[in-house]
């Protein structure tokens, strides 16, 4: 197949996407800055919850490219996290060999100037880890499950905020 014929399906797809109103989430459109430009002005409040709060806040700051300093921020992101651990695999001798780790987060995006809540929502995720003979290995598996859960919840919050910000902050 010649080079021009290989390009034909890509051009057809681009034409169809343009006709349906598809626009990239982070692109600048008209007077809208795009989500990433607004993300740069979000301050992520410290999150309670010991290790998971620390982990979730750091992932959010990294994901939204937000700031850790409230001074230059236009928006404030507050997150409340709740976690639970539940044994799901039990041996006949009552030893638990597998745990489910759940993370629930409620977030609110508000204006720094007015304090008005602009967007709020809830995100949840579920992870699991095995109990092994070594307590240290089990602890590392638990912390890894917590980190993966924090990354998942942060990514979900980022997408929710990107869609909201893309449609214009009201």
N, C-alpha and C. Protein backbone atom coordinates (compact mmCIF):
# COMPACT_ATOMS: atom_id res chain seq x y z
N UNK A 1 0.85 -1.18 0.00
CA UNK A 1 0.00 0.00 0.00
C UNK A 1 0.90 1.24 0.00
N UNK A 2 0.57 2.21 -0.78
CA UNK A 2 1.39 3.42 -0.86
C UNK A 2 1.18 4.28 0.39
N UNK A 3 2.08 5.22 0.61
CA UNK A 3 2.03 6.09 1.78
C UNK A 3 0.75 6.91 1.83
N UNK A 4 0.27 7.32 0.67
CA UNK A 4 -0.94 8.16 0.64
C UNK A 4 -2.17 7.35 1.01
N UNK A 5 -2.21 6.10 0.59
CA UNK A 5 -3.36 5.26 0.92
C UNK A 5 -3.39 4.91 2.40
N UNK A 6 -2.23 4.79 3.03
CA UNK A 6 -2.16 4.52 4.46
C UNK A 6 -2.67 5.70 5.27
N UNK A 7 -2.54 6.89 4.76
CA UNK A 7 -2.95 8.10 5.44
C UNK A 7 -4.46 8.33 5.36
N UNK A 8 -5.11 7.73 4.39
CA UNK A 8 -6.54 7.93 4.16
C UNK A 8 -7.41 7.57 5.37
N UNK A 9 -7.24 6.41 6.03
CA UNK A 9 -8.08 6.10 7.19
C UNK A 9 -7.89 7.11 8.33
N UNK A 10 -6.67 7.58 8.54
CA UNK A 10 -6.42 8.55 9.60
C UNK A 10 -7.13 9.87 9.31
N UNK A 11 -7.09 10.30 8.08
CA UNK A 11 -7.78 11.55 7.70
C UNK A 11 -9.28 11.40 7.84
N UNK A 12 -9.80 10.24 7.46
CA UNK A 12 -11.24 10.00 7.59
C UNK A 12 -11.67 10.02 9.05
N UNK A 13 -10.89 9.42 9.92
CA UNK A 13 -11.20 9.42 11.34
C UNK A 13 -11.15 10.83 11.90
N UNK A 14 -10.14 11.59 11.53
CA UNK A 14 -10.02 12.97 12.01
C UNK A 14 -11.21 13.80 11.57
N UNK A 15 -11.66 13.61 10.33
CA UNK A 15 -12.81 14.36 9.83
C UNK A 15 -14.08 14.00 10.61
N UNK A 16 -14.26 12.73 10.89
CA UNK A 16 -15.44 12.30 11.65
C UNK A 16 -15.42 12.83 13.07
N UNK A 17 -14.25 12.79 13.73
CA UNK A 17 -14.16 13.31 15.09
C UNK A 17 -14.41 14.81 15.13
N UNK A 18 -13.90 15.53 14.17
CA UNK A 18 -14.13 16.97 14.11
C UNK A 18 -15.59 17.30 13.89
N UNK A 19 -16.27 16.50 13.13
CA UNK A 19 -17.68 16.74 12.83
C UNK A 19 -18.58 16.45 14.02
N UNK A 20 -18.17 15.55 14.91
CA UNK A 20 -19.03 15.19 16.04
C UNK A 20 -18.86 16.13 17.22
N UNK A 21 -17.98 17.10 17.14
CA UNK A 21 -17.80 18.05 18.23
C UNK A 21 -16.74 17.62 19.23
N UNK A 22 -15.96 16.62 18.92
CA UNK A 22 -14.90 16.15 19.81
C UNK A 22 -13.83 17.22 19.94
N UNK A 23 -13.42 17.50 21.18
CA UNK A 23 -12.34 18.44 21.45
C UNK A 23 -11.45 17.84 22.52
N UNK A 24 -10.14 17.94 22.37
CA UNK A 24 -9.24 17.43 23.41
C UNK A 24 -9.49 18.12 24.75
N UNK A 25 -9.44 17.35 25.83
CA UNK A 25 -9.77 17.85 27.16
C UNK A 25 -8.86 18.98 27.61
N UNK A 26 -7.57 18.89 27.30
CA UNK A 26 -6.62 19.87 27.81
C UNK A 26 -6.29 20.98 26.81
N UNK A 27 -6.94 20.99 25.68
CA UNK A 27 -6.64 21.99 24.65
C UNK A 27 -7.24 23.35 25.00
N UNK A 28 -6.60 24.40 24.51
CA UNK A 28 -7.13 25.75 24.65
C UNK A 28 -8.16 25.96 23.55
N UNK A 29 -9.34 26.46 23.93
CA UNK A 29 -10.41 26.67 22.96
C UNK A 29 -11.05 28.02 23.23
N UNK A 30 -10.95 28.92 22.27
CA UNK A 30 -11.55 30.24 22.43
C UNK A 30 -10.95 30.96 23.62
N UNK A 31 -11.83 31.48 24.50
CA UNK A 31 -11.38 32.18 25.70
C UNK A 31 -11.06 31.22 26.84
N UNK A 32 -11.41 29.94 26.69
CA UNK A 32 -11.17 28.95 27.73
C UNK A 32 -9.68 28.61 27.77
N UNK A 33 -9.10 28.60 28.99
CA UNK A 33 -7.67 28.35 29.14
C UNK A 33 -7.32 26.88 28.96
N UNK A 34 -8.30 25.99 29.09
CA UNK A 34 -7.99 24.57 29.11
C UNK A 34 -7.77 24.14 30.54
N UNK A 35 -8.00 22.88 30.79
CA UNK A 35 -7.95 22.38 32.17
C UNK A 35 -6.56 22.52 32.80
N UNK A 36 -5.50 22.23 32.07
CA UNK A 36 -4.18 22.25 32.68
C UNK A 36 -3.79 23.64 33.18
N UNK A 37 -4.16 24.67 32.46
CA UNK A 37 -3.84 26.02 32.91
C UNK A 37 -4.54 26.34 34.23
N UNK A 38 -5.76 25.83 34.40
CA UNK A 38 -6.48 26.04 35.66
C UNK A 38 -5.90 25.16 36.75
N UNK A 39 -5.50 23.94 36.41
CA UNK A 39 -4.88 23.05 37.40
C UNK A 39 -3.68 23.71 38.07
N UNK A 40 -2.93 24.49 37.32
CA UNK A 40 -1.74 25.14 37.87
C UNK A 40 -2.08 26.09 39.01
N UNK A 41 -3.33 26.49 39.12
CA UNK A 41 -3.72 27.45 40.15
C UNK A 41 -4.54 26.81 41.27
N UNK A 42 -4.42 25.49 41.44
CA UNK A 42 -5.16 24.78 42.49
C UNK A 42 -4.21 24.45 43.64
N UNK A 43 -4.61 24.85 44.84
CA UNK A 43 -3.88 24.47 46.05
C UNK A 43 -4.56 23.24 46.63
N UNK A 44 -3.79 22.20 46.90
CA UNK A 44 -4.33 20.98 47.50
C UNK A 44 -4.07 21.03 49.00
N UNK A 45 -5.16 21.12 49.77
CA UNK A 45 -5.05 21.15 51.24
C UNK A 45 -4.43 19.86 51.76
N UNK A 46 -3.73 19.94 52.89
CA UNK A 46 -3.28 18.70 53.53
C UNK A 46 -4.49 17.81 53.84
N UNK A 47 -4.30 16.51 53.71
CA UNK A 47 -5.39 15.55 53.89
C UNK A 47 -5.12 14.73 55.14
N UNK A 48 -6.11 14.67 56.03
CA UNK A 48 -5.97 13.86 57.24
C UNK A 48 -5.97 12.39 56.87
N UNK A 49 -5.40 11.59 57.75
CA UNK A 49 -5.43 10.15 57.51
C UNK A 49 -4.06 9.53 57.48
N UNK A 50 -3.12 10.12 58.21
CA UNK A 50 -1.78 9.59 58.33
C UNK A 50 -1.16 9.31 56.97
N UNK A 51 -0.73 8.09 56.75
CA UNK A 51 0.00 7.74 55.53
C UNK A 51 -0.84 7.94 54.27
N UNK A 52 -2.10 7.52 54.29
CA UNK A 52 -2.93 7.61 53.08
C UNK A 52 -3.22 9.07 52.73
N UNK A 53 -3.38 9.93 53.74
CA UNK A 53 -3.59 11.35 53.47
C UNK A 53 -2.38 11.98 52.81
N UNK A 54 -1.22 11.64 53.32
CA UNK A 54 0.04 12.13 52.75
C UNK A 54 0.20 11.63 51.32
N UNK A 55 -0.04 10.35 51.13
CA UNK A 55 0.12 9.71 49.81
C UNK A 55 -0.85 10.33 48.80
N UNK A 56 -2.12 10.47 49.18
CA UNK A 56 -3.14 11.01 48.28
C UNK A 56 -2.86 12.46 47.91
N UNK A 57 -2.45 13.26 48.89
CA UNK A 57 -2.15 14.67 48.59
C UNK A 57 -0.99 14.79 47.62
N UNK A 58 0.07 14.03 47.85
CA UNK A 58 1.23 14.11 46.95
C UNK A 58 0.88 13.67 45.54
N UNK A 59 0.08 12.63 45.42
CA UNK A 59 -0.32 12.17 44.09
C UNK A 59 -1.18 13.23 43.40
N UNK A 60 -2.09 13.85 44.15
CA UNK A 60 -2.93 14.90 43.57
C UNK A 60 -2.09 16.09 43.11
N UNK A 61 -1.14 16.50 43.92
CA UNK A 61 -0.28 17.62 43.53
C UNK A 61 0.48 17.27 42.26
N UNK A 62 1.00 16.05 42.19
CA UNK A 62 1.73 15.62 40.99
C UNK A 62 0.80 15.51 39.78
N UNK A 63 -0.39 14.94 39.97
CA UNK A 63 -1.31 14.71 38.85
C UNK A 63 -1.86 16.00 38.27
N UNK A 64 -2.31 16.90 39.13
CA UNK A 64 -2.92 18.13 38.61
C UNK A 64 -1.89 19.23 38.43
N UNK A 65 -0.63 18.91 38.75
CA UNK A 65 0.44 19.90 38.65
C UNK A 65 0.08 21.14 39.46
N UNK A 66 -0.63 20.89 40.56
CA UNK A 66 -1.05 21.98 41.42
C UNK A 66 0.10 22.49 42.27
N UNK A 67 -0.22 23.35 43.19
CA UNK A 67 0.80 23.96 44.02
C UNK A 67 0.64 23.49 45.46
N UNK A 68 1.74 23.43 46.17
CA UNK A 68 1.72 23.09 47.58
C UNK A 68 1.67 24.35 48.43
N UNK A 69 1.63 25.52 47.78
CA UNK A 69 1.61 26.79 48.49
C UNK A 69 0.30 27.53 48.18
N UNK A 70 -0.43 27.92 49.21
CA UNK A 70 -1.74 28.55 48.96
C UNK A 70 -1.67 29.98 48.45
N UNK A 71 -0.55 30.68 48.60
CA UNK A 71 -0.44 32.10 48.26
C UNK A 71 -0.87 32.48 46.86
N UNK A 72 -0.38 31.79 45.85
CA UNK A 72 -0.64 32.15 44.46
C UNK A 72 -1.82 31.40 43.85
N UNK A 73 -2.59 30.73 44.66
CA UNK A 73 -3.66 29.87 44.15
C UNK A 73 -4.97 30.63 43.97
N UNK A 74 -5.73 30.17 43.00
CA UNK A 74 -7.06 30.71 42.75
C UNK A 74 -8.12 29.77 43.33
N UNK A 75 -7.79 28.47 43.35
CA UNK A 75 -8.74 27.46 43.82
C UNK A 75 -8.11 26.63 44.93
N UNK A 76 -8.99 26.07 45.77
CA UNK A 76 -8.57 25.19 46.87
C UNK A 76 -9.27 23.85 46.69
N UNK A 77 -8.50 22.78 46.78
CA UNK A 77 -9.06 21.43 46.71
C UNK A 77 -8.94 20.79 48.08
N UNK A 78 -10.10 20.50 48.69
CA UNK A 78 -10.14 19.83 49.99
C UNK A 78 -10.59 18.40 49.75
N UNK A 79 -9.90 17.48 50.38
CA UNK A 79 -10.24 16.07 50.24
C UNK A 79 -10.30 15.44 51.62
N UNK A 80 -11.35 14.65 51.84
CA UNK A 80 -11.47 13.86 53.06
C UNK A 80 -11.43 12.40 52.64
N UNK A 81 -10.51 11.66 53.22
CA UNK A 81 -10.33 10.26 52.85
C UNK A 81 -10.71 9.34 54.00
N UNK A 82 -11.35 8.24 53.65
CA UNK A 82 -11.68 7.20 54.61
C UNK A 82 -11.20 5.88 54.02
N UNK A 83 -10.60 5.06 54.84
CA UNK A 83 -10.10 3.79 54.37
C UNK A 83 -10.62 2.66 55.25
N UNK A 84 -10.72 1.49 54.68
CA UNK A 84 -11.12 0.32 55.45
C UNK A 84 -10.39 -0.91 54.92
N UNK A 85 -10.15 -1.83 55.82
CA UNK A 85 -9.50 -3.09 55.47
C UNK A 85 -10.40 -4.22 55.95
N UNK A 86 -10.66 -5.17 55.06
CA UNK A 86 -11.55 -6.27 55.38
C UNK A 86 -10.92 -7.59 54.94
N UNK A 87 -10.88 -8.56 55.86
CA UNK A 87 -10.37 -9.87 55.53
C UNK A 87 -11.35 -10.60 54.62
N UNK A 88 -10.85 -11.16 53.51
CA UNK A 88 -11.77 -11.81 52.56
C UNK A 88 -11.45 -13.28 52.31
N UNK A 89 -10.25 -13.72 52.71
CA UNK A 89 -9.91 -15.13 52.55
C UNK A 89 -9.45 -15.66 53.90
N UNK A 90 -10.22 -16.59 54.43
CA UNK A 90 -9.95 -17.12 55.76
C UNK A 90 -9.71 -18.63 55.65
N UNK A 91 -8.62 -19.08 56.28
CA UNK A 91 -8.29 -20.51 56.30
C UNK A 91 -9.12 -21.21 57.38
N UNK A 92 -9.19 -22.52 57.35
CA UNK A 92 -9.94 -23.26 58.37
C UNK A 92 -9.47 -22.97 59.80
N UNK A 93 -8.20 -22.60 59.98
CA UNK A 93 -7.69 -22.30 61.32
C UNK A 93 -7.93 -20.83 61.71
N UNK A 94 -8.73 -20.12 60.95
CA UNK A 94 -9.14 -18.72 61.19
C UNK A 94 -8.07 -17.70 60.84
N UNK A 95 -6.99 -18.09 60.21
CA UNK A 95 -6.00 -17.13 59.72
C UNK A 95 -6.52 -16.47 58.45
N UNK A 96 -6.38 -15.15 58.40
CA UNK A 96 -6.79 -14.40 57.22
C UNK A 96 -5.60 -14.36 56.26
N UNK A 97 -5.84 -14.72 55.00
CA UNK A 97 -4.75 -14.78 54.03
C UNK A 97 -4.85 -13.73 52.92
N UNK A 98 -5.95 -13.00 52.88
CA UNK A 98 -6.12 -11.94 51.86
C UNK A 98 -7.04 -10.87 52.42
N UNK A 99 -6.67 -9.62 52.12
CA UNK A 99 -7.45 -8.47 52.57
C UNK A 99 -7.88 -7.63 51.39
N UNK A 100 -9.06 -7.04 51.51
CA UNK A 100 -9.51 -6.00 50.60
C UNK A 100 -9.22 -4.66 51.26
N UNK A 101 -8.67 -3.74 50.51
CA UNK A 101 -8.40 -2.40 50.99
C UNK A 101 -9.29 -1.44 50.21
N UNK A 102 -10.14 -0.70 50.90
CA UNK A 102 -11.04 0.25 50.25
C UNK A 102 -10.65 1.67 50.62
N UNK A 103 -10.71 2.56 49.64
CA UNK A 103 -10.43 3.97 49.87
C UNK A 103 -11.57 4.78 49.30
N UNK A 104 -12.16 5.62 50.13
CA UNK A 104 -13.25 6.52 49.74
C UNK A 104 -12.76 7.94 49.95
N UNK A 105 -13.00 8.81 48.97
CA UNK A 105 -12.59 10.20 49.09
C UNK A 105 -13.73 11.12 48.66
N UNK A 106 -13.99 12.12 49.48
CA UNK A 106 -14.94 13.18 49.14
C UNK A 106 -14.10 14.43 48.89
N UNK A 107 -14.31 15.08 47.74
CA UNK A 107 -13.51 16.27 47.43
C UNK A 107 -14.41 17.45 47.15
N UNK A 108 -13.85 18.63 47.41
CA UNK A 108 -14.52 19.90 47.12
C UNK A 108 -13.51 20.87 46.52
N UNK A 109 -13.85 21.43 45.38
CA UNK A 109 -13.05 22.48 44.75
C UNK A 109 -13.76 23.79 45.05
N UNK A 110 -13.05 24.72 45.66
CA UNK A 110 -13.67 26.00 46.01
C UNK A 110 -12.78 27.15 45.57
N UNK A 111 -13.41 28.32 45.50
CA UNK A 111 -12.69 29.54 45.15
C UNK A 111 -11.93 30.03 46.38
N UNK A 112 -10.67 30.39 46.21
CA UNK A 112 -9.89 30.94 47.33
C UNK A 112 -10.43 32.30 47.74
N UNK A 113 -10.93 33.06 46.78
CA UNK A 113 -11.40 34.42 47.06
C UNK A 113 -12.72 34.42 47.83
N UNK A 114 -13.67 33.59 47.41
CA UNK A 114 -15.00 33.63 48.02
C UNK A 114 -15.27 32.47 48.97
N UNK A 115 -14.55 31.39 48.82
CA UNK A 115 -14.82 30.20 49.63
C UNK A 115 -15.97 29.37 49.10
N UNK A 116 -16.59 29.82 48.02
CA UNK A 116 -17.73 29.12 47.44
C UNK A 116 -17.29 27.78 46.83
N UNK A 117 -18.02 26.72 47.14
CA UNK A 117 -17.72 25.41 46.57
C UNK A 117 -18.21 25.39 45.13
N UNK A 118 -17.29 25.13 44.21
CA UNK A 118 -17.61 25.12 42.78
C UNK A 118 -17.93 23.72 42.26
N UNK A 119 -17.28 22.73 42.84
CA UNK A 119 -17.47 21.34 42.39
C UNK A 119 -17.15 20.43 43.56
N UNK A 120 -17.98 19.41 43.72
CA UNK A 120 -17.69 18.40 44.74
C UNK A 120 -18.05 17.04 44.19
N UNK A 121 -17.51 16.03 44.79
CA UNK A 121 -17.81 14.69 44.34
C UNK A 121 -17.19 13.64 45.24
N UNK A 122 -17.49 12.40 44.95
CA UNK A 122 -16.98 11.27 45.71
C UNK A 122 -16.33 10.28 44.76
N UNK A 123 -15.23 9.71 45.20
CA UNK A 123 -14.53 8.68 44.43
C UNK A 123 -14.18 7.55 45.38
N UNK A 124 -14.22 6.34 44.87
CA UNK A 124 -13.86 5.18 45.67
C UNK A 124 -13.12 4.17 44.83
N UNK A 125 -12.30 3.38 45.48
CA UNK A 125 -11.56 2.33 44.80
C UNK A 125 -11.34 1.18 45.76
N UNK A 126 -11.03 0.04 45.18
CA UNK A 126 -10.82 -1.17 45.96
C UNK A 126 -9.52 -1.83 45.51
N UNK A 127 -8.72 -2.21 46.46
CA UNK A 127 -7.48 -2.92 46.16
C UNK A 127 -7.42 -4.15 47.06
N UNK A 128 -6.47 -5.01 46.81
CA UNK A 128 -6.32 -6.22 47.62
C UNK A 128 -4.86 -6.56 47.78
N UNK A 129 -4.57 -7.29 48.84
CA UNK A 129 -3.21 -7.78 49.04
C UNK A 129 -3.26 -9.08 49.84
N UNK A 130 -2.22 -9.88 49.67
CA UNK A 130 -2.12 -11.17 50.33
C UNK A 130 -1.29 -11.07 51.60
N UNK A 131 -1.62 -11.94 52.55
CA UNK A 131 -0.82 -12.08 53.76
C UNK A 131 0.14 -13.22 53.49
N UNK A 132 1.43 -12.98 53.72
CA UNK A 132 2.45 -14.00 53.51
C UNK A 132 3.16 -14.30 54.83
N UNK A 133 4.07 -15.25 54.81
CA UNK A 133 4.74 -15.68 56.03
C UNK A 133 5.54 -14.55 56.68
N UNK A 134 6.12 -13.67 55.90
CA UNK A 134 6.94 -12.59 56.43
C UNK A 134 6.06 -11.37 56.75
N UNK A 135 6.04 -10.93 58.03
CA UNK A 135 5.26 -9.74 58.38
C UNK A 135 5.71 -8.50 57.61
N UNK A 136 7.01 -8.39 57.36
CA UNK A 136 7.52 -7.25 56.60
C UNK A 136 6.96 -7.25 55.17
N UNK A 137 6.96 -8.40 54.54
CA UNK A 137 6.43 -8.51 53.17
C UNK A 137 4.95 -8.18 53.14
N UNK A 138 4.22 -8.60 54.17
CA UNK A 138 2.79 -8.29 54.24
C UNK A 138 2.58 -6.79 54.40
N UNK A 139 3.41 -6.15 55.23
CA UNK A 139 3.32 -4.69 55.40
C UNK A 139 3.61 -3.96 54.10
N UNK A 140 4.62 -4.40 53.37
CA UNK A 140 4.95 -3.78 52.09
C UNK A 140 3.81 -3.97 51.10
N UNK A 141 3.19 -5.15 51.10
CA UNK A 141 2.05 -5.41 50.21
C UNK A 141 0.88 -4.50 50.56
N UNK A 142 0.64 -4.29 51.86
CA UNK A 142 -0.44 -3.41 52.30
C UNK A 142 -0.16 -1.96 51.86
N UNK A 143 1.06 -1.50 52.07
CA UNK A 143 1.41 -0.14 51.68
C UNK A 143 1.34 0.04 50.16
N UNK A 144 1.69 -0.98 49.43
CA UNK A 144 1.58 -0.92 47.96
C UNK A 144 0.13 -0.82 47.53
N UNK A 145 -0.75 -1.57 48.19
CA UNK A 145 -2.19 -1.49 47.89
C UNK A 145 -2.71 -0.09 48.20
N UNK A 146 -2.26 0.50 49.30
CA UNK A 146 -2.67 1.86 49.65
C UNK A 146 -2.19 2.87 48.61
N UNK A 147 -0.95 2.72 48.17
CA UNK A 147 -0.41 3.64 47.17
C UNK A 147 -1.17 3.53 45.85
N UNK A 148 -1.45 2.31 45.41
CA UNK A 148 -2.21 2.12 44.17
C UNK A 148 -3.61 2.72 44.30
N UNK A 149 -4.23 2.56 45.47
CA UNK A 149 -5.56 3.12 45.70
C UNK A 149 -5.51 4.65 45.65
N UNK A 150 -4.49 5.24 46.27
CA UNK A 150 -4.34 6.70 46.25
C UNK A 150 -4.16 7.19 44.82
N UNK A 151 -3.35 6.49 44.03
CA UNK A 151 -3.14 6.87 42.63
C UNK A 151 -4.43 6.77 41.83
N UNK A 152 -5.22 5.73 42.07
CA UNK A 152 -6.47 5.55 41.35
C UNK A 152 -7.48 6.64 41.69
N UNK A 153 -7.65 6.90 42.98
CA UNK A 153 -8.60 7.94 43.41
C UNK A 153 -8.15 9.31 42.90
N UNK A 154 -6.86 9.61 42.98
CA UNK A 154 -6.36 10.89 42.48
C UNK A 154 -6.61 11.04 40.99
N UNK A 155 -6.41 9.98 40.23
CA UNK A 155 -6.66 10.04 38.79
C UNK A 155 -8.14 10.28 38.50
N UNK A 156 -9.00 9.66 39.27
CA UNK A 156 -10.45 9.87 39.08
C UNK A 156 -10.86 11.30 39.41
N UNK A 157 -10.29 11.83 40.49
CA UNK A 157 -10.58 13.22 40.86
C UNK A 157 -10.06 14.15 39.76
N UNK A 158 -8.88 13.89 39.25
CA UNK A 158 -8.31 14.72 38.19
C UNK A 158 -9.21 14.74 36.97
N UNK A 159 -9.72 13.60 36.56
CA UNK A 159 -10.60 13.56 35.38
C UNK A 159 -11.89 14.32 35.66
N UNK A 160 -12.49 14.13 36.84
CA UNK A 160 -13.71 14.87 37.19
C UNK A 160 -13.46 16.37 37.11
N UNK A 161 -12.35 16.81 37.70
CA UNK A 161 -12.05 18.25 37.70
C UNK A 161 -11.73 18.75 36.30
N UNK A 162 -11.03 17.95 35.51
CA UNK A 162 -10.69 18.37 34.14
C UNK A 162 -11.94 18.58 33.31
N UNK A 163 -12.90 17.67 33.42
CA UNK A 163 -14.16 17.82 32.68
C UNK A 163 -14.90 19.06 33.16
N UNK A 164 -14.96 19.25 34.48
CA UNK A 164 -15.64 20.42 35.03
C UNK A 164 -14.96 21.72 34.57
N UNK A 165 -13.64 21.76 34.69
CA UNK A 165 -12.90 22.97 34.32
C UNK A 165 -12.95 23.22 32.82
N UNK A 166 -12.98 22.17 32.04
CA UNK A 166 -13.04 22.29 30.57
C UNK A 166 -14.34 22.97 30.16
N UNK A 167 -15.40 22.66 30.90
CA UNK A 167 -16.70 23.25 30.58
C UNK A 167 -16.83 24.67 31.11
N UNK A 168 -15.81 25.14 31.81
CA UNK A 168 -15.80 26.52 32.30
C UNK A 168 -16.26 26.60 33.74
N UNK A 169 -15.45 27.24 34.57
CA UNK A 169 -15.76 27.42 35.98
C UNK A 169 -16.86 28.46 36.09
N UNK A 170 -17.85 28.16 36.88
CA UNK A 170 -18.97 29.09 37.06
C UNK A 170 -18.92 29.70 38.44
